[in-house]
Amino acid sequence: MPDGGFDLRGLIPNSLLEWEDHVAAVAVAGGCNFRCPFCHSWRYVVGLADLAPLDPEGLFRLLERQRGWIDGVVFTGGEPTLQPGLAGLIRRARGLGARIKLHSNGSRPGVARELLRQGLLDCLALDYKAPPDRRFFAAAGLGPEPPDPLGAVRETFALAATARVEREYHTTLVPGLIDEAALAEMGEALEPGGLWILQQFENGDCLDPGMASVVRYGSERLEGLAAAARAAHRRVLLRKGKSA
């Protein structure tokens, strides 16, 4: 692992897409403990041999150059909470005036808890993959064997519900996993203060090439799915563009 204990494999200088109403740099960690078949960031999961590690110091040089222009940094991946140097990078970025968003799959509640305890996060974004049954395991590309990934995710969601930061929950609308009934169930279980972001599924360039045969929802059905979510949760945003 590179110096600093953070395996940085991607760095986007600025983005309007990764944090609602913010201009943010995006730091992408290498490696993930999930294998979501519809993942478009799979190169940061199983393709690391083809991605050269980046010097994390490049992030801080970027923040210095863009001071006053960008609002903050989004730490994503891969799964950034697997990186032992995450807190240190966040602390340094905050020292340069950056606000911080962490986008996680929720599998490491202890990391999220400590970052919140130290006041290092301004936004916690969690993947809300599917209802907590076989569909969750299918969406995460995992089995239910120990350590229980669903139990860890539940713990992180409970932590987010009481956190005094912005909260986002991201659901990719994958046919066969997510429908109106699933969204109604998910919305009823979701804490009311967070923003629930529904993302269009794209069937190209996924971790599982077999996803290419899954026909994505059309525009009218997407609106129906969003309506089902809004009936169960008061803050819903539908994004029809490419999902992450």
C-alpha atoms as a PDB file:
ATOM      1  CA  MET A   1       0.000   0.000   0.000  1.00  0.00           C
ATOM      2  CA  PRO A   2       1.284   3.514  -0.795  1.00  0.00           C
ATOM      3  CA  ASP A   3       2.665   5.727   1.978  1.00  0.00           C
ATOM      4  CA  GLY A   4      -0.043   7.144   4.232  1.00  0.00           C
ATOM      5  CA  GLY A   5      -2.073   3.927   4.306  1.00  0.00           C
ATOM      6  CA  PHE A   6      -4.527   4.996   1.614  1.00  0.00           C
ATOM      7  CA  ASP A   7      -4.571   3.187  -1.709  1.00  0.00           C
ATOM      8  CA  LEU A   8      -5.588   6.050  -3.995  1.00  0.00           C
ATOM      9  CA  ARG A   9      -6.338   4.834  -7.517  1.00  0.00           C
ATOM     10  CA  GLY A  10      -8.421   7.667  -8.949  1.00  0.00           C
ATOM     11  CA  LEU A  11      -8.601  11.438  -8.539  1.00  0.00           C
ATOM     12  CA  ILE A  12     -11.161  13.675 -10.259  1.00  0.00           C
ATOM     13  CA  PRO A  13     -10.210  17.357  -9.918  1.00  0.00           C
ATOM     14  CA  ASN A  14     -13.796  18.609  -9.748  1.00  0.00           C
ATOM     15  CA  SER A  15     -17.259  17.214 -10.245  1.00  0.00           C
ATOM     16  CA  LEU A  16     -20.824  18.530 -10.076  1.00  0.00           C
ATOM     17  CA  LEU A  17     -22.296  15.016  -9.899  1.00  0.00           C
ATOM     18  CA  GLU A  18     -20.851  13.388  -6.806  1.00  0.00           C
ATOM     19  CA  TRP A  19     -22.300  15.697  -4.144  1.00  0.00           C
ATOM     20  CA  GLU A  20     -25.640  17.409  -4.640  1.00  0.00           C
ATOM     21  CA  ASP A  21     -25.265  21.225  -4.818  1.00  0.00           C
ATOM     22  CA  HIS A  22     -21.486  21.035  -4.337  1.00  0.00           C
ATOM     23  CA  VAL A  23     -18.413  21.233  -6.531  1.00  0.00           C
ATOM     24  CA  ALA A  24     -16.130  18.524  -5.205  1.00  0.00           C
ATOM     25  CA  ALA A  25     -12.888  16.737  -5.913  1.00  0.00           C
ATOM     26  CA  VAL A  26     -13.304  12.958  -5.895  1.00  0.00           C
ATOM     27  CA  ALA A  27     -10.743  10.613  -4.306  1.00  0.00           C
ATOM     28  CA  VAL A  28     -11.274   6.997  -5.357  1.00  0.00           C
ATOM     29  CA  ALA A  29      -9.916   4.208  -3.160  1.00  0.00           C
ATOM     30  CA  GLY A  30      -8.799   0.892  -4.577  1.00  0.00           C
ATOM     31  CA  GLY A  31     -10.322  -2.358  -3.356  1.00  0.00           C
ATOM     32  CA  CYS A  32     -13.766  -3.364  -2.144  1.00  0.00           C
ATOM     33  CA  ASN A  33     -15.236  -6.140  -0.011  1.00  0.00           C
ATOM     34  CA  PHE A  34     -18.454  -6.284  -2.083  1.00  0.00           C
ATOM     35  CA  ARG A  35     -18.889  -7.614  -5.610  1.00  0.00           C
ATOM     36  CA  CYS A  36     -22.023  -5.846  -6.822  1.00  0.00           C
ATOM     37  CA  PRO A  37     -22.725  -7.278 -10.292  1.00  0.00           C
ATOM     38  CA  PHE A  38     -24.014  -3.944 -11.660  1.00  0.00           C
ATOM     39  CA  CYS A  39     -21.001  -1.937 -10.443  1.00  0.00           C
ATOM     40  CA  HIS A  40     -19.527   0.484 -12.992  1.00  0.00           C
ATOM     41  CA  SER A  41     -16.512   1.203 -10.797  1.00  0.00           C
ATOM     42  CA  TRP A  42     -15.336  -2.395 -11.057  1.00  0.00           C
ATOM     43  CA  ARG A  43     -11.856  -1.374 -12.172  1.00  0.00           C
ATOM     44  CA  TYR A  44     -11.314  -0.099  -8.634  1.00  0.00           C
ATOM     45  CA  VAL A  45     -12.545  -3.429  -7.283  1.00  0.00           C
ATOM     46  CA  VAL A  46     -11.008  -6.210  -9.399  1.00  0.00           C
ATOM     47  CA  GLY A  47      -8.944  -4.303 -11.963  1.00  0.00           C
ATOM     48  CA  LEU A  48      -6.259  -2.815  -9.722  1.00  0.00           C
ATOM     49  CA  ALA A  49      -3.440  -4.522 -11.596  1.00  0.00           C
ATOM     50  CA  ASP A  50      -4.202  -2.183 -14.508  1.00  0.00           C
ATOM     51  CA  LEU A  51      -4.435   0.978 -12.390  1.00  0.00           C
ATOM     52  CA  ALA A  52      -1.270   2.589 -11.081  1.00  0.00           C
ATOM     53  CA  PRO A  53      -1.431   3.831  -7.469  1.00  0.00           C
ATOM     54  CA  LEU A  54      -1.509   7.612  -7.108  1.00  0.00           C
ATOM     55  CA  ASP A  55       0.422   9.659  -4.583  1.00  0.00           C
ATOM     56  CA  PRO A  56      -2.109  10.984  -2.030  1.00  0.00           C
ATOM     57  CA  GLU A  57      -0.057  14.183  -1.885  1.00  0.00           C
ATOM     58  CA  GLY A  58      -1.574  14.958  -5.276  1.00  0.00           C
ATOM     59  CA  LEU A  59      -4.934  15.427  -3.572  1.00  0.00           C
ATOM     60  CA  PHE A  60      -3.548  18.105  -1.287  1.00  0.00           C
ATOM     61  CA  ARG A  61      -1.768  19.916  -4.117  1.00  0.00           C
ATOM     62  CA  LEU A  62      -5.092  19.880  -5.966  1.00  0.00           C
ATOM     63  CA  LEU A  63      -6.915  21.351  -2.989  1.00  0.00           C
ATOM     64  CA  GLU A  64      -4.335  24.097  -2.680  1.00  0.00           C
ATOM     65  CA  ARG A  65      -4.688  24.991  -6.370  1.00  0.00           C
ATOM     66  CA  GLN A  66      -8.481  24.947  -6.250  1.00  0.00           C
ATOM     67  CA  ARG A  67      -8.935  26.674  -2.902  1.00  0.00           C
ATOM     68  CA  GLY A  68     -11.991  28.907  -3.134  1.00  0.00           C
ATOM     69  CA  TRP A  69     -13.305  27.074  -6.200  1.00  0.00           C
ATOM     70  CA  ILE A  70     -14.291  23.626  -4.951  1.00  0.00           C
ATOM     71  CA  ASP A  71     -16.360  23.004  -1.841  1.00  0.00           C
ATOM     72  CA  GLY A  72     -14.878  19.757  -0.670  1.00  0.00           C
ATOM     73  CA  VAL A  73     -13.781  16.178  -1.310  1.00  0.00           C
ATOM     74  CA  VAL A  74     -15.808  13.021  -1.844  1.00  0.00           C
ATOM     75  CA  PHE A  75     -14.031   9.868  -0.668  1.00  0.00           C
ATOM     76  CA  THR A  76     -15.432   6.905  -2.588  1.00  0.00           C
ATOM     77  CA  GLY A  77     -14.219   3.741  -4.248  1.00  0.00           C
ATOM     78  CA  GLY A  78     -13.975   0.865  -4.205  1.00  0.00           C
ATOM     79  CA  GLU A  79     -14.662   1.032  -0.495  1.00  0.00           C
ATOM     80  CA  PRO A  80     -12.783   3.845   1.265  1.00  0.00           C
ATOM     81  CA  THR A  81     -13.451   2.604   4.805  1.00  0.00           C
ATOM     82  CA  LEU A  82     -11.104  -0.335   4.135  1.00  0.00           C
ATOM     83  CA  GLN A  83      -8.194   2.112   4.005  1.00  0.00           C
ATOM     84  CA  PRO A  84      -6.322   2.562   7.318  1.00  0.00           C
ATOM     85  CA  GLY A  85      -5.144   6.029   6.301  1.00  0.00           C
ATOM     86  CA  LEU A  86      -8.636   7.408   5.587  1.00  0.00           C
ATOM     87  CA  ALA A  87      -8.969   9.502   8.761  1.00  0.00           C
ATOM     88  CA  GLY A  88      -5.533  11.035   8.246  1.00  0.00           C
ATOM     89  CA  LEU A  89      -6.313  12.082   4.682  1.00  0.00           C
ATOM     90  CA  ILE A  90      -9.638  13.538   5.721  1.00  0.00           C
ATOM     91  CA  ARG A  91      -8.033  15.479   8.550  1.00  0.00           C
ATOM     92  CA  ARG A  92      -5.473  17.019   6.211  1.00  0.00           C
ATOM     93  CA  ALA A  93      -8.109  17.857   3.591  1.00  0.00           C
ATOM     94  CA  ARG A  94     -10.233  19.581   6.223  1.00  0.00           C
ATOM     95  CA  GLY A  95      -7.171  21.549   7.245  1.00  0.00           C
ATOM     96  CA  LEU A  96      -7.142  22.976   3.721  1.00  0.00           C
ATOM     97  CA  GLY A  97     -10.725  24.163   4.100  1.00  0.00           C
ATOM     98  CA  ALA A  98     -12.444  21.229   2.362  1.00  0.00           C
ATOM     99  CA  ARG A  99     -15.774  19.819   3.454  1.00  0.00           C
ATOM    100  CA  ILE A 100     -15.890  16.015   3.395  1.00  0.00           C
ATOM    101  CA  LYS A 101     -18.353  13.494   2.038  1.00  0.00           C
ATOM    102  CA  LEU A 102     -17.792   9.777   2.586  1.00  0.00           C
ATOM    103  CA  HIS A 103     -19.568   7.382   0.212  1.00  0.00           C
ATOM    104  CA  SER A 104     -19.535   3.859   1.639  1.00  0.00           C
ATOM    105  CA  ASN A 105     -21.249   0.502   1.276  1.00  0.00           C
ATOM    106  CA  GLY A 106     -21.834   0.574   5.038  1.00  0.00           C
ATOM    107  CA  SER A 107     -19.914  -2.583   5.829  1.00  0.00           C
ATOM    108  CA  ARG A 108     -17.519  -0.943   8.323  1.00  0.00           C
ATOM    109  CA  PRO A 109     -19.651   0.707  11.002  1.00  0.00           C
ATOM    110  CA  GLY A 110     -16.735   1.126  13.369  1.00  0.00           C
ATOM    111  CA  VAL A 111     -14.907   3.326  10.874  1.00  0.00           C
ATOM    112  CA  ALA A 112     -17.965   5.471  10.186  1.00  0.00           C
ATOM    113  CA  ARG A 113     -18.629   5.810  13.923  1.00  0.00           C
ATOM    114  CA  GLU A 114     -15.092   7.009  14.637  1.00  0.00           C
ATOM    115  CA  LEU A 115     -15.074   9.503  11.779  1.00  0.00           C
ATOM    116  CA  LEU A 116     -18.352  10.946  13.024  1.00  0.00           C
ATOM    117  CA  ARG A 117     -17.130  10.998  16.610  1.00  0.00           C
ATOM    118  CA  GLN A 118     -14.094  13.018  15.560  1.00  0.00           C
ATOM    119  CA  GLY A 119     -16.244  15.456  13.588  1.00  0.00           C
ATOM    120  CA  LEU A 120     -14.473  14.608  10.325  1.00  0.00           C
ATOM    121  CA  LEU A 121     -17.537  14.225   8.091  1.00  0.00           C
ATOM    122  CA  ASP A 122     -19.962  16.742   6.628  1.00  0.00           C
ATOM    123  CA  CYS A 123     -21.933  14.156   4.644  1.00  0.00           C
ATOM    124  CA  LEU A 124     -22.312  10.402   5.006  1.00  0.00           C
ATOM    125  CA  ALA A 125     -23.578   8.655   1.875  1.00  0.00           C
ATOM    126  CA  LEU A 126     -24.526   4.987   2.032  1.00  0.00           C
ATOM    127  CA  ASP A 127     -25.459   2.520  -0.664  1.00  0.00           C
ATOM    128  CA  TYR A 128     -29.022   1.315  -0.045  1.00  0.00           C
ATOM    129  CA  LYS A 129     -28.816  -1.678  -2.298  1.00  0.00           C
ATOM    130  CA  ALA A 130     -32.036  -3.613  -1.725  1.00  0.00           C
ATOM    131  CA  PRO A 131     -34.422  -4.846   0.971  1.00  0.00           C
ATOM    132  CA  PRO A 132     -32.656  -6.840   3.717  1.00  0.00           C
ATOM    133  CA  ASP A 133     -33.262 -10.305   2.301  1.00  0.00           C
ATOM    134  CA  ARG A 134     -31.858 -12.411  -0.527  1.00  0.00           C
ATOM    135  CA  ARG A 135     -32.013  -9.337  -2.774  1.00  0.00           C
ATOM    136  CA  PHE A 136     -29.409  -7.570  -0.641  1.00  0.00           C
ATOM    137  CA  PHE A 137     -26.975 -10.456  -1.010  1.00  0.00           C
ATOM    138  CA  ALA A 138     -27.627 -10.614  -4.756  1.00  0.00           C
ATOM    139  CA  ALA A 139     -27.054  -6.858  -5.073  1.00  0.00           C
ATOM    140  CA  ALA A 140     -23.848  -6.996  -3.027  1.00  0.00           C
ATOM    141  CA  GLY A 141     -22.592 -10.066  -4.862  1.00  0.00           C
ATOM    142  CA  LEU A 142     -22.119 -11.892  -1.550  1.00  0.00           C
ATOM    143  CA  GLY A 143     -23.416 -14.833   0.425  1.00  0.00           C
ATOM    144  CA  PRO A 144     -24.765 -14.689   3.999  1.00  0.00           C
ATOM    145  CA  GLU A 145     -21.773 -16.488   5.513  1.00  0.00           C
ATOM    146  CA  PRO A 146     -19.865 -14.814   8.406  1.00  0.00           C
ATOM    147  CA  PRO A 147     -18.881 -12.118   8.902  1.00  0.00           C
ATOM    148  CA  ASP A 148     -22.473 -11.042   8.310  1.00  0.00           C
ATOM    149  CA  PRO A 149     -22.354  -8.107   5.856  1.00  0.00           C
ATOM    150  CA  LEU A 150     -26.037  -7.303   6.316  1.00  0.00           C
ATOM    151  CA  GLY A 151     -25.647  -7.000  10.075  1.00  0.00           C
ATOM    152  CA  ALA A 152     -22.780  -4.547   9.606  1.00  0.00           C
ATOM    153  CA  VAL A 153     -24.782  -2.493   7.107  1.00  0.00           C
ATOM    154  CA  ARG A 154     -27.763  -2.371   9.475  1.00  0.00           C
ATOM    155  CA  GLU A 155     -25.468  -1.035  12.192  1.00  0.00           C
ATOM    156  CA  THR A 156     -24.141   1.704   9.921  1.00  0.00           C
ATOM    157  CA  PHE A 157     -27.661   2.730   8.904  1.00  0.00           C
ATOM    158  CA  ALA A 158     -28.658   2.977  12.557  1.00  0.00           C
ATOM    159  CA  LEU A 159     -25.603   5.131  13.168  1.00  0.00           C
ATOM    160  CA  ALA A 160     -26.459   7.406  10.223  1.00  0.00           C
ATOM    161  CA  ALA A 161     -30.000   7.891  11.499  1.00  0.00           C
ATOM    162  CA  THR A 162     -28.700   9.783  14.540  1.00  0.00           C
ATOM    163  CA  ALA A 163     -25.725  11.509  12.901  1.00  0.00           C
ATOM    164  CA  ARG A 164     -25.705  15.306  12.841  1.00  0.00           C
ATOM    165  CA  VAL A 165     -24.396  15.533   9.291  1.00  0.00           C
ATOM    166  CA  GLU A 166     -25.950  15.404   5.840  1.00  0.00           C
ATOM    167  CA  ARG A 167     -27.089  11.896   4.928  1.00  0.00           C
ATOM    168  CA  GLU A 168     -27.573  10.381   1.498  1.00  0.00           C
ATOM    169  CA  TYR A 169     -28.822   6.925   0.563  1.00  0.00           C
ATOM    170  CA  HIS A 170     -28.159   5.628  -2.960  1.00  0.00           C
ATOM    171  CA  THR A 171     -30.224   2.957  -4.700  1.00  0.00           C
ATOM    172  CA  THR A 172     -29.567   1.736  -8.231  1.00  0.00           C
ATOM    173  CA  LEU A 173     -32.795   0.724  -9.959  1.00  0.00           C
ATOM    174  CA  VAL A 174     -31.804  -2.726 -11.187  1.00  0.00           C
ATOM    175  CA  PRO A 175     -34.658  -4.724 -12.753  1.00  0.00           C
ATOM    176  CA  GLY A 176     -35.091  -8.012 -10.936  1.00  0.00           C
ATOM    177  CA  LEU A 177     -33.792  -6.521  -7.687  1.00  0.00           C
ATOM    178  CA  ILE A 178     -35.713  -3.266  -7.306  1.00  0.00           C
ATOM    179  CA  ASP A 179     -39.375  -2.658  -8.110  1.00  0.00           C
ATOM    180  CA  GLU A 180     -42.196  -0.568  -6.638  1.00  0.00           C
ATOM    181  CA  ALA A 181     -42.853  -2.998  -3.801  1.00  0.00           C
ATOM    182  CA  ALA A 182     -39.168  -3.108  -2.869  1.00  0.00           C
ATOM    183  CA  LEU A 183     -38.959   0.686  -2.823  1.00  0.00           C
ATOM    184  CA  ALA A 184     -42.060   0.956  -0.649  1.00  0.00           C
ATOM    185  CA  GLU A 185     -40.504  -1.464   1.838  1.00  0.00           C
ATOM    186  CA  MET A 186     -37.152   0.313   1.750  1.00  0.00           C
ATOM    187  CA  GLY A 187     -38.670   3.770   2.109  1.00  0.00           C
ATOM    188  CA  GLU A 188     -40.746   2.821   5.128  1.00  0.00           C
ATOM    189  CA  ALA A 189     -37.593   1.567   6.872  1.00  0.00           C
ATOM    190  CA  LEU A 190     -35.482   4.609   6.025  1.00  0.00           C
ATOM    191  CA  GLU A 191     -34.917   7.407   8.528  1.00  0.00           C
ATOM    192  CA  PRO A 192     -36.736  10.574   7.425  1.00  0.00           C
ATOM    193  CA  GLY A 193     -33.906  13.105   7.430  1.00  0.00           C
ATOM    194  CA  GLY A 194     -31.718  11.725   4.656  1.00  0.00           C
ATOM    195  CA  LEU A 195     -31.870  12.315   0.912  1.00  0.00           C
ATOM    196  CA  TRP A 196     -32.756   9.116  -0.961  1.00  0.00           C
ATOM    197  CA  ILE A 197     -31.155   9.150  -4.408  1.00  0.00           C
ATOM    198  CA  LEU A 198     -32.525   6.740  -7.017  1.00  0.00           C
ATOM    199  CA  GLN A 199     -30.129   6.054  -9.884  1.00  0.00           C
ATOM    200  CA  GLN A 200     -30.853   4.666 -13.310  1.00  0.00           C
ATOM    201  CA  PHE A 201     -29.252   1.291 -13.956  1.00  0.00           C
ATOM    202  CA  GLU A 202     -26.978   1.078 -16.972  1.00  0.00           C
ATOM    203  CA  ASN A 203     -26.360  -2.392 -18.372  1.00  0.00           C
ATOM    204  CA  GLY A 204     -23.036  -1.673 -20.064  1.00  0.00           C
ATOM    205  CA  ASP A 205     -19.535  -1.998 -18.588  1.00  0.00           C
ATOM    206  CA  CYS A 206     -20.621  -3.724 -15.371  1.00  0.00           C
ATOM    207  CA  LEU A 207     -18.548  -5.966 -13.135  1.00  0.00           C
ATOM    208  CA  ASP A 208     -20.708  -8.894 -14.254  1.00  0.00           C
ATOM    209  CA  PRO A 209     -20.792  -8.892 -18.078  1.00  0.00           C
ATOM    210  CA  GLY A 210     -24.053 -10.840 -17.850  1.00  0.00           C
ATOM    211  CA  MET A 211     -25.782  -7.638 -16.747  1.00  0.00           C
ATOM    212  CA  ALA A 212     -25.646  -6.548 -20.389  1.00  0.00           C
ATOM    213  CA  SER A 213     -28.735  -8.687 -21.016  1.00  0.00           C
ATOM    214  CA  VAL A 214     -30.798  -6.933 -18.323  1.00  0.00           C
ATOM    215  CA  VAL A 215     -33.137  -4.417 -19.932  1.00  0.00           C
ATOM    216  CA  ARG A 216     -33.132  -1.210 -17.925  1.00  0.00           C
ATOM    217  CA  TYR A 217     -36.318   0.586 -16.940  1.00  0.00           C
ATOM    218  CA  GLY A 218     -37.748   3.111 -19.364  1.00  0.00           C
ATOM    219  CA  SER A 219     -38.488   6.703 -18.464  1.00  0.00           C
ATOM    220  CA  GLU A 220     -42.167   6.163 -17.618  1.00  0.00           C
ATOM    221  CA  ARG A 221     -41.393   3.212 -15.339  1.00  0.00           C
ATOM    222  CA  LEU A 222     -38.634   5.225 -13.646  1.00  0.00           C
ATOM    223  CA  GLU A 223     -41.156   7.906 -12.771  1.00  0.00           C
ATOM    224  CA  GLY A 224     -43.464   5.235 -11.371  1.00  0.00           C
ATOM    225  CA  LEU A 225     -40.651   3.848  -9.255  1.00  0.00           C
ATOM    226  CA  ALA A 226     -39.842   7.324  -7.969  1.00  0.00           C
ATOM    227  CA  ALA A 227     -43.520   7.851  -7.106  1.00  0.00           C
ATOM    228  CA  ALA A 228     -43.527   4.632  -5.088  1.00  0.00           C
ATOM    229  CA  ALA A 229     -40.429   5.785  -3.225  1.00  0.00           C
ATOM    230  CA  ARG A 230     -41.913   9.240  -2.555  1.00  0.00           C
ATOM    231  CA  ALA A 231     -45.031   7.675  -1.112  1.00  0.00           C
ATOM    232  CA  ALA A 232     -42.832   6.036   1.533  1.00  0.00           C
ATOM    233  CA  HIS A 233     -40.130   8.687   2.062  1.00  0.00           C
ATOM    234  CA  ARG A 234     -40.330  12.468   1.951  1.00  0.00           C
ATOM    235  CA  ARG A 235     -36.945  13.270   0.338  1.00  0.00           C
ATOM    236  CA  VAL A 236     -36.362  11.448  -2.955  1.00  0.00           C
ATOM    237  CA  LEU A 237     -34.227  12.480  -5.925  1.00  0.00           C
ATOM    238  CA  LEU A 238     -34.392  10.562  -9.214  1.00  0.00           C
ATOM    239  CA  ARG A 239     -31.309  10.586 -11.400  1.00  0.00           C
ATOM    240  CA  LYS A 240     -31.885   9.216 -14.874  1.00  0.00           C
ATOM    241  CA  GLY A 241     -28.253   9.446 -15.919  1.00  0.00           C
ATOM    242  CA  LYS A 242     -25.563   6.816 -15.558  1.00  0.00           C
ATOM    243  CA  SER A 243     -25.306   5.205 -12.144  1.00  0.00           C
ATOM    244  CA  ALA A 244     -22.086   4.804 -10.192  1.00  0.00           C
END
